Amino acid sequence: PKGCGTPKSGTPKGSGSPHPKTSNHVKQTSFRLQSPSNSKKHVVDEGKAKIPLKEAVRMMMAKKDEMIVQTMSKSEAKEKTLNMKNKKLDVVIQMQRKQVASKDEQLKAKDEQIEELSKMLKAAQVQIETLQLAGTQDQRLMRAQMDAESVKAYYERKAKGVQ
């Protein structure tokens, strides 16, 4: 008997599994799914078309460059609008400064007028006071004159009465 180590009848020599086709098929499928070379060679795009990796990288870089240019143009446009707004604000600020300056000049002129009027008022008050003093002096003179006349009249009457 040759017995030990001989394969059973019905199976071909050299195969280690009872179902060689099934195991080979599974191995090939899993090899295709996990193959690193397949994933490096092709990138699947949105349209499900296979694009070479170099082309995909070139397209992504071009898209990135385009987005950078768009962003730069947007930022330049924003900068231009900001510059325009700043210029408008500068004009408004200058106009307001001019208005404030003219109002300051008007206030200074009014202050000068007020000073002149106060000086005139003080001068008028001084004149009024001098006139009042003169009036009181005139009244005193008039009283003194009346008193002198009455004294004179008294003595004249007395002198007439004596003679």
N, C-alpha and C. Protein backbone atom coordinates (compact mmCIF):
# COMPACT_ATOMS: atom_id res chain seq x y z
N PRO A 1 0.83 -1.19 0.00
CA PRO A 1 0.00 0.00 0.00
C PRO A 1 0.86 1.24 0.00
N LYS A 2 0.55 2.07 -0.93
CA LYS A 2 1.27 3.33 -1.02
C LYS A 2 0.71 4.33 -0.02
N GLY A 3 -0.54 4.26 0.33
CA GLY A 3 -1.35 4.89 1.34
C GLY A 3 -0.96 6.25 1.85
N CYS A 4 0.05 6.37 2.62
CA CYS A 4 0.35 7.62 3.32
C CYS A 4 0.83 8.68 2.35
N GLY A 5 0.25 9.84 2.48
CA GLY A 5 0.70 10.98 1.71
C GLY A 5 0.19 11.02 0.30
N THR A 6 -0.62 10.09 -0.12
CA THR A 6 -1.13 10.14 -1.49
C THR A 6 -2.45 10.87 -1.48
N PRO A 7 -2.70 11.63 -2.47
CA PRO A 7 -3.97 12.36 -2.50
C PRO A 7 -5.13 11.42 -2.74
N LYS A 8 -6.30 11.90 -2.30
CA LYS A 8 -7.50 11.10 -2.50
C LYS A 8 -7.84 11.08 -3.96
N SER A 9 -8.54 10.09 -4.33
CA SER A 9 -8.88 9.97 -5.74
C SER A 9 -9.91 11.03 -6.11
N GLY A 10 -9.80 11.56 -7.29
CA GLY A 10 -10.76 12.57 -7.77
C GLY A 10 -10.24 13.99 -7.65
N THR A 11 -9.17 14.25 -6.94
CA THR A 11 -8.65 15.61 -6.84
C THR A 11 -7.34 15.68 -7.58
N PRO A 12 -7.11 16.72 -8.31
CA PRO A 12 -5.85 16.80 -9.04
C PRO A 12 -4.67 17.00 -8.09
N LYS A 13 -3.53 16.58 -8.51
CA LYS A 13 -2.33 16.71 -7.69
C LYS A 13 -1.92 18.17 -7.59
N GLY A 14 -1.37 18.54 -6.43
CA GLY A 14 -0.80 19.86 -6.26
C GLY A 14 -1.78 20.91 -5.81
N SER A 15 -3.05 20.65 -5.76
CA SER A 15 -3.98 21.70 -5.30
C SER A 15 -4.26 21.47 -3.84
N GLY A 16 -4.22 22.48 -3.07
CA GLY A 16 -4.40 22.34 -1.64
C GLY A 16 -5.81 22.54 -1.18
N SER A 17 -6.72 23.00 -2.05
CA SER A 17 -8.08 23.25 -1.59
C SER A 17 -9.06 22.45 -2.42
N PRO A 18 -10.19 22.09 -1.87
CA PRO A 18 -11.17 21.32 -2.63
C PRO A 18 -11.85 22.13 -3.72
N HIS A 19 -11.88 23.50 -3.60
CA HIS A 19 -12.54 24.34 -4.62
C HIS A 19 -11.55 25.37 -5.12
N PRO A 20 -10.68 25.01 -6.04
CA PRO A 20 -9.64 25.95 -6.46
C PRO A 20 -10.17 27.17 -7.21
N LYS A 21 -11.21 27.07 -7.99
CA LYS A 21 -11.69 28.20 -8.79
C LYS A 21 -12.26 29.29 -7.88
N THR A 22 -13.02 28.92 -6.91
CA THR A 22 -13.64 29.90 -6.01
C THR A 22 -12.59 30.67 -5.23
N SER A 23 -11.63 30.02 -4.66
CA SER A 23 -10.62 30.71 -3.87
C SER A 23 -9.76 31.62 -4.73
N ASN A 24 -9.42 31.18 -5.95
CA ASN A 24 -8.63 32.04 -6.83
C ASN A 24 -9.43 33.29 -7.20
N HIS A 25 -10.70 33.14 -7.51
CA HIS A 25 -11.56 34.27 -7.88
C HIS A 25 -11.64 35.30 -6.73
N VAL A 26 -11.81 34.83 -5.52
CA VAL A 26 -11.91 35.72 -4.37
C VAL A 26 -10.59 36.45 -4.18
N LYS A 27 -9.50 35.74 -4.34
CA LYS A 27 -8.20 36.38 -4.17
C LYS A 27 -7.99 37.46 -5.23
N GLN A 28 -8.36 37.18 -6.46
CA GLN A 28 -8.16 38.19 -7.50
C GLN A 28 -9.02 39.43 -7.25
N THR A 29 -10.25 39.23 -6.84
CA THR A 29 -11.14 40.36 -6.59
C THR A 29 -10.59 41.23 -5.46
N SER A 30 -10.22 40.58 -4.38
CA SER A 30 -9.71 41.36 -3.26
C SER A 30 -8.39 42.04 -3.64
N PHE A 31 -7.62 41.43 -4.48
CA PHE A 31 -6.37 42.02 -4.93
C PHE A 31 -6.64 43.27 -5.75
N ARG A 32 -7.65 43.21 -6.57
CA ARG A 32 -7.99 44.39 -7.38
C ARG A 32 -8.49 45.53 -6.51
N LEU A 33 -9.29 45.22 -5.51
CA LEU A 33 -9.84 46.27 -4.66
C LEU A 33 -8.77 46.92 -3.79
N GLN A 34 -7.82 46.10 -3.33
CA GLN A 34 -6.83 46.62 -2.41
C GLN A 34 -5.53 47.00 -3.09
N SER A 35 -5.49 46.94 -4.39
CA SER A 35 -4.24 47.18 -5.09
C SER A 35 -3.82 48.64 -4.97
N PRO A 36 -2.65 48.89 -4.43
CA PRO A 36 -2.21 50.28 -4.34
C PRO A 36 -1.87 50.85 -5.71
N SER A 37 -1.46 50.03 -6.65
CA SER A 37 -1.10 50.54 -7.96
C SER A 37 -2.33 51.05 -8.70
N ASN A 38 -3.48 50.40 -8.53
CA ASN A 38 -4.72 50.87 -9.18
C ASN A 38 -5.14 52.24 -8.63
N SER A 39 -5.07 52.42 -7.31
CA SER A 39 -5.52 53.69 -6.73
C SER A 39 -4.58 54.83 -7.10
N LYS A 40 -3.33 54.55 -7.36
CA LYS A 40 -2.40 55.60 -7.75
C LYS A 40 -2.55 55.98 -9.21
N LYS A 41 -2.93 55.02 -10.03
CA LYS A 41 -2.99 55.30 -11.45
C LYS A 41 -4.20 56.15 -11.84
N HIS A 42 -5.34 55.95 -11.20
CA HIS A 42 -6.56 56.62 -11.62
C HIS A 42 -7.25 57.32 -10.46
N VAL A 43 -7.81 58.47 -10.79
CA VAL A 43 -8.63 59.20 -9.83
C VAL A 43 -10.02 59.31 -10.43
N VAL A 44 -11.03 59.03 -9.64
CA VAL A 44 -12.39 59.08 -10.16
C VAL A 44 -12.91 60.49 -9.98
N ASP A 45 -13.37 61.12 -11.07
CA ASP A 45 -13.88 62.49 -11.05
C ASP A 45 -15.37 62.45 -10.76
N GLU A 46 -15.99 63.62 -10.66
CA GLU A 46 -17.42 63.68 -10.37
C GLU A 46 -18.23 62.99 -11.45
N GLY A 47 -17.79 63.06 -12.67
CA GLY A 47 -18.53 62.45 -13.77
C GLY A 47 -18.24 60.96 -13.93
N LYS A 48 -17.60 60.35 -12.98
CA LYS A 48 -17.28 58.92 -12.94
C LYS A 48 -16.33 58.52 -14.08
N ALA A 49 -15.67 59.47 -14.69
CA ALA A 49 -14.71 59.14 -15.74
C ALA A 49 -13.34 59.00 -15.12
N LYS A 50 -12.56 58.06 -15.60
CA LYS A 50 -11.23 57.86 -15.04
C LYS A 50 -10.26 58.84 -15.68
N ILE A 51 -9.56 59.63 -14.80
CA ILE A 51 -8.61 60.64 -15.27
C ILE A 51 -7.25 60.27 -14.70
N PRO A 52 -6.20 60.34 -15.49
CA PRO A 52 -4.86 60.05 -14.95
C PRO A 52 -4.52 61.02 -13.82
N LEU A 53 -3.71 60.55 -12.87
CA LEU A 53 -3.40 61.32 -11.68
C LEU A 53 -2.69 62.64 -12.03
N LYS A 54 -1.75 62.58 -12.96
CA LYS A 54 -1.02 63.80 -13.33
C LYS A 54 -1.98 64.85 -13.89
N GLU A 55 -2.90 64.39 -14.73
CA GLU A 55 -3.89 65.31 -15.31
C GLU A 55 -4.78 65.88 -14.21
N ALA A 56 -5.19 65.02 -13.28
CA ALA A 56 -6.06 65.48 -12.19
C ALA A 56 -5.32 66.51 -11.34
N VAL A 57 -4.04 66.26 -11.04
CA VAL A 57 -3.26 67.21 -10.25
C VAL A 57 -3.11 68.52 -11.00
N ARG A 58 -2.84 68.43 -12.32
CA ARG A 58 -2.70 69.64 -13.12
C ARG A 58 -4.01 70.44 -13.12
N MET A 59 -5.14 69.73 -13.24
CA MET A 59 -6.44 70.41 -13.24
C MET A 59 -6.70 71.06 -11.88
N MET A 60 -6.35 70.34 -10.80
CA MET A 60 -6.57 70.90 -9.47
C MET A 60 -5.71 72.14 -9.25
N MET A 61 -4.47 72.09 -9.72
CA MET A 61 -3.58 73.25 -9.58
C MET A 61 -4.10 74.43 -10.41
N ALA A 62 -4.59 74.13 -11.62
CA ALA A 62 -5.15 75.19 -12.46
C ALA A 62 -6.37 75.81 -11.79
N LYS A 63 -7.23 74.94 -11.21
CA LYS A 63 -8.42 75.43 -10.53
C LYS A 63 -8.02 76.28 -9.31
N LYS A 64 -6.99 75.80 -8.59
CA LYS A 64 -6.49 76.54 -7.43
C LYS A 64 -5.96 77.91 -7.85
N ASP A 65 -5.17 77.92 -8.94
CA ASP A 65 -4.64 79.18 -9.45
C ASP A 65 -5.77 80.12 -9.86
N GLU A 66 -6.79 79.56 -10.51
CA GLU A 66 -7.94 80.36 -10.93
C GLU A 66 -8.66 80.94 -9.72
N MET A 67 -8.82 80.12 -8.68
CA MET A 67 -9.48 80.60 -7.47
C MET A 67 -8.65 81.69 -6.81
N ILE A 68 -7.34 81.54 -6.83
CA ILE A 68 -6.46 82.56 -6.26
C ILE A 68 -6.61 83.87 -7.03
N VAL A 69 -6.64 83.76 -8.38
CA VAL A 69 -6.79 84.96 -9.21
C VAL A 69 -8.13 85.61 -8.93
N GLN A 70 -9.19 84.77 -8.82
CA GLN A 70 -10.52 85.33 -8.53
C GLN A 70 -10.53 86.01 -7.17
N THR A 71 -9.91 85.35 -6.19
CA THR A 71 -9.86 85.94 -4.86
C THR A 71 -9.08 87.24 -4.88
N MET A 72 -7.97 87.25 -5.61
CA MET A 72 -7.18 88.48 -5.71
C MET A 72 -7.98 89.58 -6.39
N SER A 73 -8.70 89.21 -7.47
CA SER A 73 -9.47 90.24 -8.17
C SER A 73 -10.61 90.74 -7.27
N LYS A 74 -11.20 89.83 -6.49
CA LYS A 74 -12.25 90.26 -5.57
C LYS A 74 -11.66 91.18 -4.50
N SER A 75 -10.50 90.79 -3.98
CA SER A 75 -9.89 91.63 -2.95
C SER A 75 -9.45 92.98 -3.54
N GLU A 76 -8.98 92.98 -4.79
CA GLU A 76 -8.62 94.24 -5.43
C GLU A 76 -9.86 95.11 -5.63
N ALA A 77 -10.97 94.48 -6.01
CA ALA A 77 -12.21 95.23 -6.19
C ALA A 77 -12.66 95.80 -4.84
N LYS A 78 -12.57 94.97 -3.79
CA LYS A 78 -12.94 95.46 -2.47
C LYS A 78 -12.03 96.62 -2.05
N GLU A 79 -10.75 96.47 -2.36
CA GLU A 79 -9.80 97.53 -2.01
C GLU A 79 -10.13 98.81 -2.76
N LYS A 80 -10.49 98.68 -4.05
CA LYS A 80 -10.84 99.87 -4.83
C LYS A 80 -12.08 100.54 -4.25
N THR A 81 -13.11 99.72 -3.90
CA THR A 81 -14.32 100.31 -3.33
C THR A 81 -14.01 100.96 -1.98
N LEU A 82 -13.15 100.31 -1.20
CA LEU A 82 -12.78 100.91 0.08
C LEU A 82 -12.02 102.22 -0.13
N ASN A 83 -11.15 102.24 -1.13
CA ASN A 83 -10.43 103.48 -1.43
C ASN A 83 -11.39 104.58 -1.85
N MET A 84 -12.38 104.21 -2.68
CA MET A 84 -13.38 105.20 -3.10
C MET A 84 -14.16 105.72 -1.89
N LYS A 85 -14.57 104.78 -1.02
CA LYS A 85 -15.30 105.20 0.17
C LYS A 85 -14.44 106.09 1.05
N ASN A 86 -13.15 105.74 1.18
CA ASN A 86 -12.25 106.57 1.97
C ASN A 86 -12.11 107.96 1.37
N LYS A 87 -12.02 108.03 0.04
CA LYS A 87 -11.92 109.33 -0.61
C LYS A 87 -13.17 110.16 -0.36
N LYS A 88 -14.33 109.50 -0.49
CA LYS A 88 -15.59 110.22 -0.23
C LYS A 88 -15.63 110.70 1.21
N LEU A 89 -15.22 109.84 2.14
CA LEU A 89 -15.21 110.24 3.54
C LEU A 89 -14.23 111.38 3.78
N ASP A 90 -13.09 111.33 3.11
CA ASP A 90 -12.12 112.42 3.25
C ASP A 90 -12.72 113.74 2.77
N VAL A 91 -13.44 113.69 1.65
CA VAL A 91 -14.08 114.90 1.13
C VAL A 91 -15.11 115.42 2.13
N VAL A 92 -15.90 114.49 2.68
CA VAL A 92 -16.92 114.90 3.65
C VAL A 92 -16.26 115.50 4.89
N ILE A 93 -15.18 114.86 5.34
CA ILE A 93 -14.47 115.36 6.53
C ILE A 93 -13.90 116.75 6.26
N GLN A 94 -13.32 116.94 5.06
CA GLN A 94 -12.77 118.26 4.72
C GLN A 94 -13.87 119.32 4.70
N MET A 95 -15.02 118.95 4.12
CA MET A 95 -16.13 119.91 4.08
C MET A 95 -16.59 120.25 5.50
N GLN A 96 -16.68 119.22 6.35
CA GLN A 96 -17.10 119.47 7.72
C GLN A 96 -16.07 120.33 8.45
N ARG A 97 -14.80 120.09 8.18
CA ARG A 97 -13.78 120.91 8.81
C ARG A 97 -13.90 122.37 8.36
N LYS A 98 -14.17 122.56 7.05
CA LYS A 98 -14.36 123.92 6.54
C LYS A 98 -15.55 124.57 7.21
N GLN A 99 -16.65 123.79 7.36
CA GLN A 99 -17.84 124.34 8.01
C GLN A 99 -17.54 124.72 9.45
N VAL A 100 -16.80 123.83 10.14
CA VAL A 100 -16.45 124.12 11.53
C VAL A 100 -15.56 125.36 11.60
N ALA A 101 -14.61 125.46 10.67
CA ALA A 101 -13.73 126.63 10.66
C ALA A 101 -14.54 127.91 10.41
N SER A 102 -15.49 127.85 9.47
CA SER A 102 -16.29 129.06 9.20
C SER A 102 -17.16 129.38 10.41
N LYS A 103 -17.69 128.36 11.07
CA LYS A 103 -18.49 128.61 12.28
C LYS A 103 -17.61 129.19 13.38
N ASP A 104 -16.39 128.70 13.47
CA ASP A 104 -15.46 129.26 14.45
C ASP A 104 -15.21 130.74 14.16
N GLU A 105 -15.00 131.06 12.88
CA GLU A 105 -14.79 132.46 12.51
C GLU A 105 -16.01 133.30 12.85
N GLN A 106 -17.21 132.74 12.57
CA GLN A 106 -18.44 133.47 12.90
C GLN A 106 -18.53 133.70 14.41
N LEU A 107 -18.19 132.66 15.17
CA LEU A 107 -18.25 132.81 16.63
C LEU A 107 -17.22 133.83 17.12
N LYS A 108 -16.05 133.82 16.51
CA LYS A 108 -15.04 134.80 16.89
C LYS A 108 -15.53 136.22 16.58
N ALA A 109 -16.15 136.38 15.41
CA ALA A 109 -16.69 137.70 15.04
C ALA A 109 -17.78 138.12 16.03
N LYS A 110 -18.63 137.18 16.41
CA LYS A 110 -19.69 137.50 17.38
C LYS A 110 -19.08 137.84 18.73
N ASP A 111 -18.05 137.09 19.13
CA ASP A 111 -17.37 137.41 20.39
C ASP A 111 -16.79 138.82 20.35
N GLU A 112 -16.19 139.20 19.22
CA GLU A 112 -15.64 140.54 19.08
C GLU A 112 -16.75 141.59 19.17
N GLN A 113 -17.89 141.29 18.52
CA GLN A 113 -19.03 142.21 18.60
C GLN A 113 -19.50 142.35 20.04
N ILE A 114 -19.56 141.20 20.74
CA ILE A 114 -20.00 141.24 22.14
C ILE A 114 -19.03 142.07 22.98
N GLU A 115 -17.74 141.91 22.73
CA GLU A 115 -16.75 142.70 23.47
C GLU A 115 -16.92 144.20 23.19
N GLU A 116 -17.13 144.53 21.91
CA GLU A 116 -17.34 145.94 21.56
C GLU A 116 -18.60 146.49 22.24
N LEU A 117 -19.68 145.70 22.19
CA LEU A 117 -20.92 146.14 22.82
C LEU A 117 -20.76 146.29 24.33
N SER A 118 -20.00 145.36 24.94
CA SER A 118 -19.80 145.49 26.40
C SER A 118 -18.97 146.74 26.71
N LYS A 119 -17.97 147.04 25.86
CA LYS A 119 -17.20 148.27 26.06
C LYS A 119 -18.10 149.50 25.93
N MET A 120 -18.97 149.48 24.91
CA MET A 120 -19.89 150.61 24.72
C MET A 120 -20.83 150.72 25.90
N LEU A 121 -21.28 149.58 26.42
CA LEU A 121 -22.19 149.59 27.57
C LEU A 121 -21.49 150.18 28.80
N LYS A 122 -20.25 149.78 29.00
CA LYS A 122 -19.49 150.34 30.14
C LYS A 122 -19.31 151.84 29.99
N ALA A 123 -18.99 152.26 28.76
CA ALA A 123 -18.83 153.71 28.53
C ALA A 123 -20.14 154.43 28.80
N ALA A 124 -21.26 153.83 28.37
CA ALA A 124 -22.56 154.47 28.60
C ALA A 124 -22.86 154.52 30.09
N GLN A 125 -22.51 153.45 30.82
CA GLN A 125 -22.74 153.46 32.27
C GLN A 125 -21.91 154.56 32.94
N VAL A 126 -20.68 154.72 32.48
CA VAL A 126 -19.83 155.79 33.02
C VAL A 126 -20.46 157.16 32.73
N GLN A 127 -20.97 157.33 31.52
CA GLN A 127 -21.62 158.60 31.17
C GLN A 127 -22.84 158.83 32.05
N ILE A 128 -23.62 157.78 32.25
CA ILE A 128 -24.82 157.91 33.09
C ILE A 128 -24.42 158.33 34.51
N GLU A 129 -23.38 157.66 35.02
CA GLU A 129 -22.94 158.00 36.38
C GLU A 129 -22.45 159.44 36.46
N THR A 130 -21.71 159.90 35.46
CA THR A 130 -21.22 161.30 35.48
C THR A 130 -22.38 162.26 35.37
N LEU A 131 -23.38 161.90 34.53
CA LEU A 131 -24.56 162.77 34.43
C LEU A 131 -25.32 162.80 35.74
N GLN A 132 -25.41 161.64 36.38
CA GLN A 132 -26.11 161.62 37.68
C GLN A 132 -25.36 162.48 38.70
N LEU A 133 -24.02 162.34 38.70
CA LEU A 133 -23.24 163.17 39.61
C LEU A 133 -23.41 164.66 39.28
N ALA A 134 -23.39 164.96 38.02
CA ALA A 134 -23.57 166.36 37.60
C ALA A 134 -24.95 166.85 38.00
N GLY A 135 -25.93 165.97 37.86
CA GLY A 135 -27.28 166.35 38.25
C GLY A 135 -27.37 166.63 39.73
N THR A 136 -26.76 165.79 40.52
CA THR A 136 -26.80 166.04 41.96
C THR A 136 -26.03 167.32 42.30
N GLN A 137 -24.94 167.53 41.59
CA GLN A 137 -24.19 168.77 41.83
C GLN A 137 -25.03 169.98 41.42
N ASP A 138 -25.74 169.82 40.28
CA ASP A 138 -26.61 170.93 39.85
C ASP A 138 -27.69 171.19 40.90
N GLN A 139 -28.24 170.10 41.43
CA GLN A 139 -29.29 170.28 42.44
C GLN A 139 -28.72 170.97 43.68
N ARG A 140 -27.52 170.60 44.07
CA ARG A 140 -26.89 171.23 45.23
C ARG A 140 -26.65 172.74 44.96
N LEU A 141 -26.16 172.99 43.73
CA LEU A 141 -25.94 174.40 43.38
C LEU A 141 -27.25 175.19 43.40
N MET A 142 -28.28 174.53 42.87
CA MET A 142 -29.57 175.23 42.86
C MET A 142 -30.06 175.49 44.28
N ARG A 143 -29.89 174.51 45.16
CA ARG A 143 -30.31 174.69 46.55
C ARG A 143 -29.49 175.80 47.23
N ALA A 144 -28.20 175.73 46.96
CA ALA A 144 -27.34 176.76 47.57
C ALA A 144 -27.73 178.16 47.05
N GLN A 145 -28.03 178.19 45.75
CA GLN A 145 -28.43 179.47 45.18
C GLN A 145 -29.75 179.93 45.78
N MET A 146 -30.68 179.00 45.93
CA MET A 146 -31.96 179.36 46.55
C MET A 146 -31.77 179.82 47.99
N ASP A 147 -30.88 179.07 48.66
CA ASP A 147 -30.62 179.46 50.05
C ASP A 147 -29.99 180.85 50.11
N ALA A 148 -29.06 181.11 49.21
CA ALA A 148 -28.40 182.43 49.20
C ALA A 148 -29.41 183.54 48.87
N GLU A 149 -30.28 183.25 47.93
CA GLU A 149 -31.29 184.26 47.59
C GLU A 149 -32.25 184.51 48.76
N SER A 150 -32.60 183.42 49.43
CA SER A 150 -33.52 183.61 50.57
C SER A 150 -32.83 184.35 51.71
N VAL A 151 -31.57 184.09 51.93
CA VAL A 151 -30.83 184.83 52.96
C VAL A 151 -30.73 186.29 52.56
N LYS A 152 -30.45 186.56 51.30
CA LYS A 152 -30.34 187.92 50.80
C LYS A 152 -31.68 188.64 50.96
N ALA A 153 -32.75 187.94 50.60
CA ALA A 153 -34.08 188.53 50.73
C ALA A 153 -34.40 188.82 52.19
N TYR A 154 -34.02 187.90 53.04
CA TYR A 154 -34.26 188.09 54.47
C TYR A 154 -33.57 189.35 54.97
N TYR A 155 -32.27 189.48 54.62
CA TYR A 155 -31.54 190.65 55.07
C TYR A 155 -32.06 191.94 54.43
N GLU A 156 -32.50 191.83 53.20
CA GLU A 156 -33.06 193.03 52.55
C GLU A 156 -34.33 193.45 53.26
N ARG A 157 -35.16 192.50 53.61
CA ARG A 157 -36.38 192.85 54.32
C ARG A 157 -36.07 193.43 55.70
N LYS A 158 -35.08 192.83 56.31
CA LYS A 158 -34.70 193.32 57.65
C LYS A 158 -34.14 194.76 57.55
N ALA A 159 -33.35 194.96 56.51
CA ALA A 159 -32.78 196.29 56.35
C ALA A 159 -33.89 197.31 56.06
N LYS A 160 -34.89 196.92 55.32
CA LYS A 160 -36.01 197.84 55.04
C LYS A 160 -36.82 198.09 56.30
N GLY A 161 -36.92 197.06 57.08
CA GLY A 161 -37.70 197.21 58.31
C GLY A 161 -37.00 198.11 59.33
N VAL A 162 -35.71 198.12 59.28
CA VAL A 162 -34.95 198.91 60.23
C VAL A 162 -35.03 200.38 59.83
N GLN A 163 -34.97 200.67 58.54
CA GLN A 163 -34.95 202.08 58.12
C GLN A 163 -36.30 202.64 58.25
